[in-house]
């Protein structure tokens, strides 16, 4: 299992770095603003369509897809393991963390990548669960 984690070290590091950059960029946005935008989108079909298209845009050209594509080119990831849902997952989980908890920590980002995302790309990549978890 250690060899699998080492194999995925670069893509894992890349995705952690991306998520941290996004977290830093949006750290000053009040979650009330996000919730207000979501509430308003329920009343405004055009706004809803815009938000939906931004959130569900072409996943295969987004930043995670670029990083995973590079990992495929380096031989770190088997392309048969990639699905649209798996590529979208790190950003989906990050968005959920921000909306539900109000912010996202570096620890949460590491957990998203190490405990959820990487094991989906390579099943042997799962870290042992922390004691008491």
N, C-alpha and C. Protein backbone atom coordinates (compact mmCIF):
# COMPACT_ATOMS: atom_id res chain seq x y z
N UNK A 1 0.82 -1.19 0.00
CA UNK A 1 0.00 0.00 0.00
C UNK A 1 0.87 1.25 0.00
N UNK A 2 2.02 1.22 0.65
CA UNK A 2 2.91 2.38 0.67
C UNK A 2 3.34 2.73 -0.75
N UNK A 3 3.62 1.71 -1.58
CA UNK A 3 4.04 1.97 -2.96
C UNK A 3 2.93 2.67 -3.74
N UNK A 4 1.68 2.30 -3.49
CA UNK A 4 0.56 2.94 -4.17
C UNK A 4 0.48 4.41 -3.77
N UNK A 5 0.62 4.69 -2.47
CA UNK A 5 0.59 6.08 -2.00
C UNK A 5 1.72 6.89 -2.61
N UNK A 6 2.90 6.28 -2.71
CA UNK A 6 4.03 6.98 -3.32
C UNK A 6 3.77 7.25 -4.79
N UNK A 7 3.14 6.29 -5.47
CA UNK A 7 2.82 6.44 -6.89
C UNK A 7 1.88 7.63 -7.09
N UNK A 8 0.96 7.85 -6.18
CA UNK A 8 -0.04 8.91 -6.32
C UNK A 8 0.37 10.20 -5.60
N UNK A 9 1.58 10.25 -5.09
CA UNK A 9 2.01 11.41 -4.31
C UNK A 9 1.91 12.70 -5.10
N UNK A 10 2.31 12.67 -6.35
CA UNK A 10 2.32 13.92 -7.12
C UNK A 10 0.91 14.41 -7.43
N UNK A 11 0.04 13.53 -7.90
CA UNK A 11 -1.33 13.97 -8.18
C UNK A 11 -2.03 14.39 -6.89
N UNK A 12 -1.78 13.68 -5.80
CA UNK A 12 -2.37 14.06 -4.51
C UNK A 12 -1.91 15.43 -4.07
N UNK A 13 -0.62 15.67 -4.19
CA UNK A 13 -0.06 16.97 -3.83
C UNK A 13 -0.62 18.07 -4.72
N UNK A 14 -0.75 17.79 -6.01
CA UNK A 14 -1.29 18.78 -6.94
C UNK A 14 -2.72 19.15 -6.58
N UNK A 15 -3.54 18.15 -6.28
CA UNK A 15 -4.96 18.42 -5.97
C UNK A 15 -5.08 19.13 -4.62
N UNK A 16 -4.28 18.75 -3.64
CA UNK A 16 -4.28 19.47 -2.36
C UNK A 16 -3.92 20.93 -2.59
N UNK A 17 -2.90 21.18 -3.38
CA UNK A 17 -2.47 22.56 -3.67
C UNK A 17 -3.59 23.34 -4.35
N UNK A 18 -4.25 22.75 -5.32
CA UNK A 18 -5.36 23.41 -6.01
C UNK A 18 -6.48 23.76 -5.03
N UNK A 19 -6.89 22.79 -4.23
CA UNK A 19 -7.98 23.04 -3.28
C UNK A 19 -7.60 24.10 -2.26
N UNK A 20 -6.34 24.10 -1.83
CA UNK A 20 -5.90 25.11 -0.87
C UNK A 20 -5.93 26.50 -1.50
N UNK A 21 -5.51 26.59 -2.77
CA UNK A 21 -5.57 27.88 -3.47
C UNK A 21 -7.01 28.37 -3.56
N UNK A 22 -7.92 27.49 -3.88
CA UNK A 22 -9.34 27.87 -3.96
C UNK A 22 -9.86 28.28 -2.59
N UNK A 23 -9.50 27.53 -1.57
CA UNK A 23 -9.94 27.86 -0.21
C UNK A 23 -9.43 29.23 0.19
N UNK A 24 -8.17 29.52 -0.11
CA UNK A 24 -7.59 30.83 0.22
C UNK A 24 -8.30 31.94 -0.53
N UNK A 25 -8.61 31.68 -1.78
CA UNK A 25 -9.26 32.69 -2.62
C UNK A 25 -10.65 33.05 -2.12
N UNK A 26 -11.36 32.06 -1.60
CA UNK A 26 -12.74 32.28 -1.18
C UNK A 26 -12.91 32.37 0.33
N UNK A 27 -11.82 32.45 1.06
CA UNK A 27 -11.88 32.48 2.52
C UNK A 27 -12.64 33.69 3.05
N UNK A 28 -12.60 34.79 2.35
CA UNK A 28 -13.24 36.01 2.83
C UNK A 28 -14.71 36.13 2.43
N UNK A 29 -15.21 35.19 1.67
CA UNK A 29 -16.62 35.24 1.27
C UNK A 29 -17.47 34.68 2.41
N UNK A 30 -18.40 35.47 2.85
CA UNK A 30 -19.31 35.06 3.93
C UNK A 30 -20.24 33.97 3.41
N UNK A 31 -20.39 32.89 4.15
CA UNK A 31 -21.26 31.80 3.69
C UNK A 31 -22.71 32.26 3.59
N UNK A 32 -23.09 33.31 4.32
CA UNK A 32 -24.44 33.84 4.18
C UNK A 32 -24.68 34.34 2.76
N UNK A 33 -23.63 34.88 2.13
CA UNK A 33 -23.73 35.32 0.74
C UNK A 33 -23.99 34.12 -0.16
N UNK A 34 -23.28 33.03 0.07
CA UNK A 34 -23.48 31.83 -0.74
C UNK A 34 -24.88 31.27 -0.56
N UNK A 35 -25.33 31.20 0.68
CA UNK A 35 -26.68 30.71 0.94
C UNK A 35 -27.73 31.64 0.33
N UNK A 36 -27.48 32.95 0.38
CA UNK A 36 -28.40 33.91 -0.23
C UNK A 36 -28.48 33.72 -1.73
N UNK A 37 -27.33 33.49 -2.35
CA UNK A 37 -27.29 33.25 -3.79
C UNK A 37 -28.06 31.99 -4.15
N UNK A 38 -27.88 30.95 -3.36
CA UNK A 38 -28.61 29.71 -3.61
C UNK A 38 -30.12 29.90 -3.42
N UNK A 39 -30.50 30.64 -2.38
CA UNK A 39 -31.93 30.90 -2.14
C UNK A 39 -32.52 31.72 -3.29
N UNK A 40 -31.80 32.73 -3.74
CA UNK A 40 -32.28 33.56 -4.84
C UNK A 40 -32.40 32.75 -6.13
N UNK A 41 -31.49 31.81 -6.32
CA UNK A 41 -31.54 30.99 -7.54
C UNK A 41 -32.80 30.13 -7.59
N UNK A 42 -33.38 29.83 -6.43
CA UNK A 42 -34.62 29.06 -6.40
C UNK A 42 -35.79 29.87 -6.96
N UNK A 43 -35.67 31.20 -6.89
CA UNK A 43 -36.74 32.08 -7.39
C UNK A 43 -36.46 32.59 -8.80
N UNK A 44 -35.24 32.47 -9.26
CA UNK A 44 -34.84 33.04 -10.54
C UNK A 44 -34.29 31.94 -11.45
N UNK A 45 -35.10 31.47 -12.40
CA UNK A 45 -34.66 30.38 -13.26
C UNK A 45 -33.38 30.69 -14.05
N UNK A 46 -33.19 31.93 -14.46
CA UNK A 46 -31.98 32.27 -15.21
C UNK A 46 -30.74 32.18 -14.32
N UNK A 47 -30.86 32.68 -13.09
CA UNK A 47 -29.75 32.58 -12.15
C UNK A 47 -29.45 31.12 -11.83
N UNK A 48 -30.51 30.33 -11.63
CA UNK A 48 -30.34 28.91 -11.37
C UNK A 48 -29.59 28.24 -12.52
N UNK A 49 -29.98 28.55 -13.76
CA UNK A 49 -29.33 27.96 -14.93
C UNK A 49 -27.86 28.36 -14.99
N UNK A 50 -27.56 29.62 -14.67
CA UNK A 50 -26.17 30.09 -14.68
C UNK A 50 -25.34 29.36 -13.62
N UNK A 51 -25.85 29.29 -12.40
CA UNK A 51 -25.13 28.60 -11.32
C UNK A 51 -24.93 27.14 -11.67
N UNK A 52 -25.97 26.51 -12.16
CA UNK A 52 -25.89 25.10 -12.52
C UNK A 52 -24.83 24.88 -13.61
N UNK A 53 -24.82 25.75 -14.62
CA UNK A 53 -23.85 25.56 -15.70
C UNK A 53 -22.42 25.77 -15.20
N UNK A 54 -22.24 26.69 -14.25
CA UNK A 54 -20.91 26.92 -13.69
C UNK A 54 -20.47 25.74 -12.83
N UNK A 55 -21.39 25.22 -12.02
CA UNK A 55 -21.04 24.11 -11.14
C UNK A 55 -20.90 22.80 -11.89
N UNK A 56 -21.72 22.61 -12.90
CA UNK A 56 -21.73 21.34 -13.61
C UNK A 56 -21.14 21.47 -15.01
N UNK A 57 -20.35 22.52 -15.21
CA UNK A 57 -19.73 22.74 -16.51
C UNK A 57 -18.95 21.54 -16.97
N UNK A 58 -18.21 21.69 -18.02
CA UNK A 58 -17.45 20.58 -18.58
C UNK A 58 -16.36 20.15 -17.61
N UNK A 59 -16.67 19.14 -16.82
CA UNK A 59 -15.75 18.63 -15.80
C UNK A 59 -14.44 18.19 -16.43
N UNK A 60 -14.50 17.69 -17.65
CA UNK A 60 -13.31 17.15 -18.30
C UNK A 60 -12.32 18.22 -18.74
N UNK A 61 -12.68 19.50 -18.61
CA UNK A 61 -11.74 20.57 -18.94
C UNK A 61 -11.42 21.41 -17.71
N UNK A 62 -11.94 21.06 -16.56
CA UNK A 62 -11.70 21.82 -15.34
C UNK A 62 -10.33 21.55 -14.76
N UNK A 63 -10.01 22.27 -13.68
CA UNK A 63 -8.67 22.17 -13.10
C UNK A 63 -8.31 20.79 -12.56
N UNK A 64 -9.26 20.10 -11.95
CA UNK A 64 -8.95 18.75 -11.44
C UNK A 64 -8.69 17.82 -12.61
N UNK A 65 -9.46 17.95 -13.68
CA UNK A 65 -9.26 17.11 -14.86
C UNK A 65 -7.87 17.33 -15.46
N UNK A 66 -7.43 18.57 -15.47
CA UNK A 66 -6.09 18.86 -16.00
C UNK A 66 -5.03 18.17 -15.15
N UNK A 67 -5.16 18.27 -13.83
CA UNK A 67 -4.18 17.64 -12.94
C UNK A 67 -4.20 16.12 -13.07
N UNK A 68 -5.39 15.56 -13.14
CA UNK A 68 -5.51 14.10 -13.27
C UNK A 68 -5.01 13.66 -14.64
N UNK A 69 -5.26 14.46 -15.67
CA UNK A 69 -4.74 14.14 -17.00
C UNK A 69 -3.22 14.08 -17.00
N UNK A 70 -2.60 14.99 -16.30
CA UNK A 70 -1.14 14.96 -16.18
C UNK A 70 -0.69 13.70 -15.44
N UNK A 71 -1.44 13.31 -14.42
CA UNK A 71 -1.11 12.09 -13.68
C UNK A 71 -1.24 10.86 -14.56
N UNK A 72 -2.23 10.85 -15.43
CA UNK A 72 -2.38 9.76 -16.39
C UNK A 72 -1.16 9.72 -17.31
N UNK A 73 -0.77 10.89 -17.81
CA UNK A 73 0.40 10.96 -18.70
C UNK A 73 1.67 10.46 -18.02
N UNK A 74 1.79 10.70 -16.70
CA UNK A 74 2.97 10.24 -15.95
C UNK A 74 2.86 8.77 -15.55
N UNK A 75 1.70 8.17 -15.80
CA UNK A 75 1.50 6.77 -15.44
C UNK A 75 1.07 6.57 -13.99
N UNK A 76 0.69 7.63 -13.30
CA UNK A 76 0.28 7.52 -11.90
C UNK A 76 -1.14 6.98 -11.76
N UNK A 77 -1.99 7.27 -12.73
CA UNK A 77 -3.41 6.93 -12.64
C UNK A 77 -3.82 6.18 -13.90
N UNK A 78 -4.59 5.12 -13.70
CA UNK A 78 -5.15 4.35 -14.80
C UNK A 78 -6.37 5.11 -15.33
N UNK A 79 -6.36 5.50 -16.61
CA UNK A 79 -7.48 6.29 -17.13
C UNK A 79 -8.83 5.57 -17.06
N UNK A 80 -8.82 4.24 -16.98
CA UNK A 80 -10.09 3.51 -16.88
C UNK A 80 -10.79 3.76 -15.54
N UNK A 81 -10.05 4.28 -14.56
CA UNK A 81 -10.63 4.58 -13.24
C UNK A 81 -11.34 5.93 -13.21
N UNK A 82 -11.19 6.71 -14.27
CA UNK A 82 -11.72 8.07 -14.28
C UNK A 82 -13.16 8.12 -14.77
N UNK A 83 -13.99 8.79 -14.00
CA UNK A 83 -15.35 9.08 -14.42
C UNK A 83 -15.60 10.56 -14.14
N UNK A 84 -16.63 11.10 -14.75
CA UNK A 84 -16.96 12.50 -14.51
C UNK A 84 -17.21 12.75 -13.03
N UNK A 85 -17.90 11.84 -12.37
CA UNK A 85 -18.22 11.99 -10.94
C UNK A 85 -16.94 12.01 -10.11
N UNK A 86 -16.00 11.12 -10.40
CA UNK A 86 -14.74 11.07 -9.64
C UNK A 86 -13.90 12.32 -9.86
N UNK A 87 -13.88 12.83 -11.09
CA UNK A 87 -13.12 14.04 -11.36
C UNK A 87 -13.74 15.24 -10.64
N UNK A 88 -15.06 15.28 -10.57
CA UNK A 88 -15.76 16.40 -9.93
C UNK A 88 -15.72 16.33 -8.41
N UNK A 89 -15.47 15.15 -7.86
CA UNK A 89 -15.61 14.92 -6.43
C UNK A 89 -14.83 15.86 -5.51
N UNK A 90 -13.54 16.12 -5.74
CA UNK A 90 -12.83 17.00 -4.80
C UNK A 90 -13.48 18.39 -4.67
N UNK A 91 -13.88 18.98 -5.80
CA UNK A 91 -14.51 20.30 -5.73
C UNK A 91 -15.92 20.22 -5.13
N UNK A 92 -16.65 19.13 -5.43
CA UNK A 92 -17.97 18.95 -4.84
C UNK A 92 -17.88 18.84 -3.32
N UNK A 93 -16.93 18.05 -2.84
CA UNK A 93 -16.77 17.89 -1.39
C UNK A 93 -16.28 19.18 -0.72
N UNK A 94 -15.43 19.90 -1.41
CA UNK A 94 -14.97 21.18 -0.87
C UNK A 94 -16.13 22.15 -0.76
N UNK A 95 -16.94 22.24 -1.81
CA UNK A 95 -18.11 23.13 -1.78
C UNK A 95 -19.06 22.74 -0.64
N UNK A 96 -19.29 21.46 -0.48
CA UNK A 96 -20.15 20.99 0.60
C UNK A 96 -19.59 21.38 1.96
N UNK A 97 -18.29 21.20 2.13
CA UNK A 97 -17.64 21.54 3.41
C UNK A 97 -17.84 23.02 3.74
N UNK A 98 -17.67 23.88 2.74
CA UNK A 98 -17.83 25.32 2.95
C UNK A 98 -19.28 25.65 3.29
N UNK A 99 -20.23 25.07 2.57
CA UNK A 99 -21.64 25.39 2.81
C UNK A 99 -22.13 24.84 4.15
N UNK A 100 -21.70 23.64 4.49
CA UNK A 100 -22.20 23.01 5.71
C UNK A 100 -21.45 23.48 6.96
N UNK A 101 -20.14 23.62 6.86
CA UNK A 101 -19.34 23.98 8.03
C UNK A 101 -18.92 25.44 8.08
N UNK A 102 -19.10 26.14 6.97
CA UNK A 102 -18.78 27.57 6.95
C UNK A 102 -17.37 27.89 6.49
N UNK A 103 -16.51 26.90 6.44
CA UNK A 103 -15.13 27.09 5.97
C UNK A 103 -14.53 25.72 5.71
N UNK A 104 -13.32 25.75 5.19
CA UNK A 104 -12.62 24.48 4.97
C UNK A 104 -11.20 24.63 5.47
N UNK A 105 -10.75 23.64 6.19
CA UNK A 105 -9.41 23.66 6.77
C UNK A 105 -8.44 22.87 5.90
N UNK A 106 -7.17 23.08 6.13
CA UNK A 106 -6.14 22.30 5.43
C UNK A 106 -6.30 20.81 5.76
N UNK A 107 -6.68 20.52 6.98
CA UNK A 107 -6.90 19.12 7.38
C UNK A 107 -8.05 18.50 6.58
N UNK A 108 -9.14 19.26 6.40
CA UNK A 108 -10.27 18.75 5.62
C UNK A 108 -9.89 18.51 4.17
N UNK A 109 -9.09 19.43 3.63
CA UNK A 109 -8.62 19.26 2.25
C UNK A 109 -7.79 17.99 2.12
N UNK A 110 -6.88 17.77 3.07
CA UNK A 110 -6.06 16.56 3.04
C UNK A 110 -6.92 15.31 3.15
N UNK A 111 -7.94 15.34 3.99
CA UNK A 111 -8.83 14.19 4.13
C UNK A 111 -9.60 13.93 2.83
N UNK A 112 -10.10 14.98 2.20
CA UNK A 112 -10.83 14.83 0.94
C UNK A 112 -9.93 14.13 -0.09
N UNK A 113 -8.70 14.59 -0.19
CA UNK A 113 -7.79 14.04 -1.19
C UNK A 113 -7.31 12.64 -0.80
N UNK A 114 -6.79 12.50 0.42
CA UNK A 114 -6.16 11.24 0.83
C UNK A 114 -7.14 10.12 1.14
N UNK A 115 -8.28 10.46 1.72
CA UNK A 115 -9.20 9.42 2.18
C UNK A 115 -10.35 9.14 1.23
N UNK A 116 -10.61 10.06 0.30
CA UNK A 116 -11.75 9.87 -0.60
C UNK A 116 -11.29 9.83 -2.07
N UNK A 117 -10.63 10.89 -2.52
CA UNK A 117 -10.31 11.03 -3.93
C UNK A 117 -9.27 10.01 -4.41
N UNK A 118 -8.12 9.97 -3.77
CA UNK A 118 -7.06 9.05 -4.23
C UNK A 118 -7.48 7.59 -4.19
N UNK A 119 -8.18 7.13 -3.14
CA UNK A 119 -8.62 5.73 -3.15
C UNK A 119 -9.57 5.40 -4.32
N UNK A 120 -10.30 6.40 -4.81
CA UNK A 120 -11.15 6.15 -5.97
C UNK A 120 -10.34 6.04 -7.25
N UNK A 121 -9.22 6.76 -7.31
CA UNK A 121 -8.36 6.66 -8.48
C UNK A 121 -7.56 5.38 -8.47
N UNK A 122 -7.21 4.92 -7.28
CA UNK A 122 -6.41 3.71 -7.13
C UNK A 122 -6.84 3.04 -5.83
N UNK A 123 -7.62 1.98 -5.89
CA UNK A 123 -8.20 1.39 -4.68
C UNK A 123 -7.23 1.08 -3.55
N UNK A 124 -5.97 0.80 -3.82
CA UNK A 124 -5.00 0.49 -2.77
C UNK A 124 -4.43 1.72 -2.09
N UNK A 125 -4.93 2.90 -2.44
CA UNK A 125 -4.34 4.14 -1.94
C UNK A 125 -4.90 4.60 -0.60
N UNK A 126 -5.90 3.94 -0.07
CA UNK A 126 -6.54 4.39 1.16
C UNK A 126 -5.55 4.38 2.32
N UNK A 127 -5.56 5.49 3.08
CA UNK A 127 -4.75 5.57 4.30
C UNK A 127 -5.47 4.79 5.38
N UNK A 128 -4.73 4.23 6.31
CA UNK A 128 -5.40 3.59 7.45
C UNK A 128 -6.17 4.66 8.22
N UNK A 129 -7.36 4.30 8.70
CA UNK A 129 -8.16 5.24 9.47
C UNK A 129 -7.46 5.60 10.76
N UNK A 130 -7.61 6.87 11.17
CA UNK A 130 -7.02 7.31 12.42
C UNK A 130 -7.72 6.60 13.57
N UNK A 131 -6.97 6.32 14.60
CA UNK A 131 -7.57 5.66 15.77
C UNK A 131 -8.61 6.57 16.39
N UNK A 132 -9.72 5.98 16.76
CA UNK A 132 -10.78 6.73 17.39
C UNK A 132 -11.69 7.41 16.38
N UNK A 133 -11.40 7.22 15.08
CA UNK A 133 -12.22 7.85 14.04
C UNK A 133 -13.45 7.04 13.76
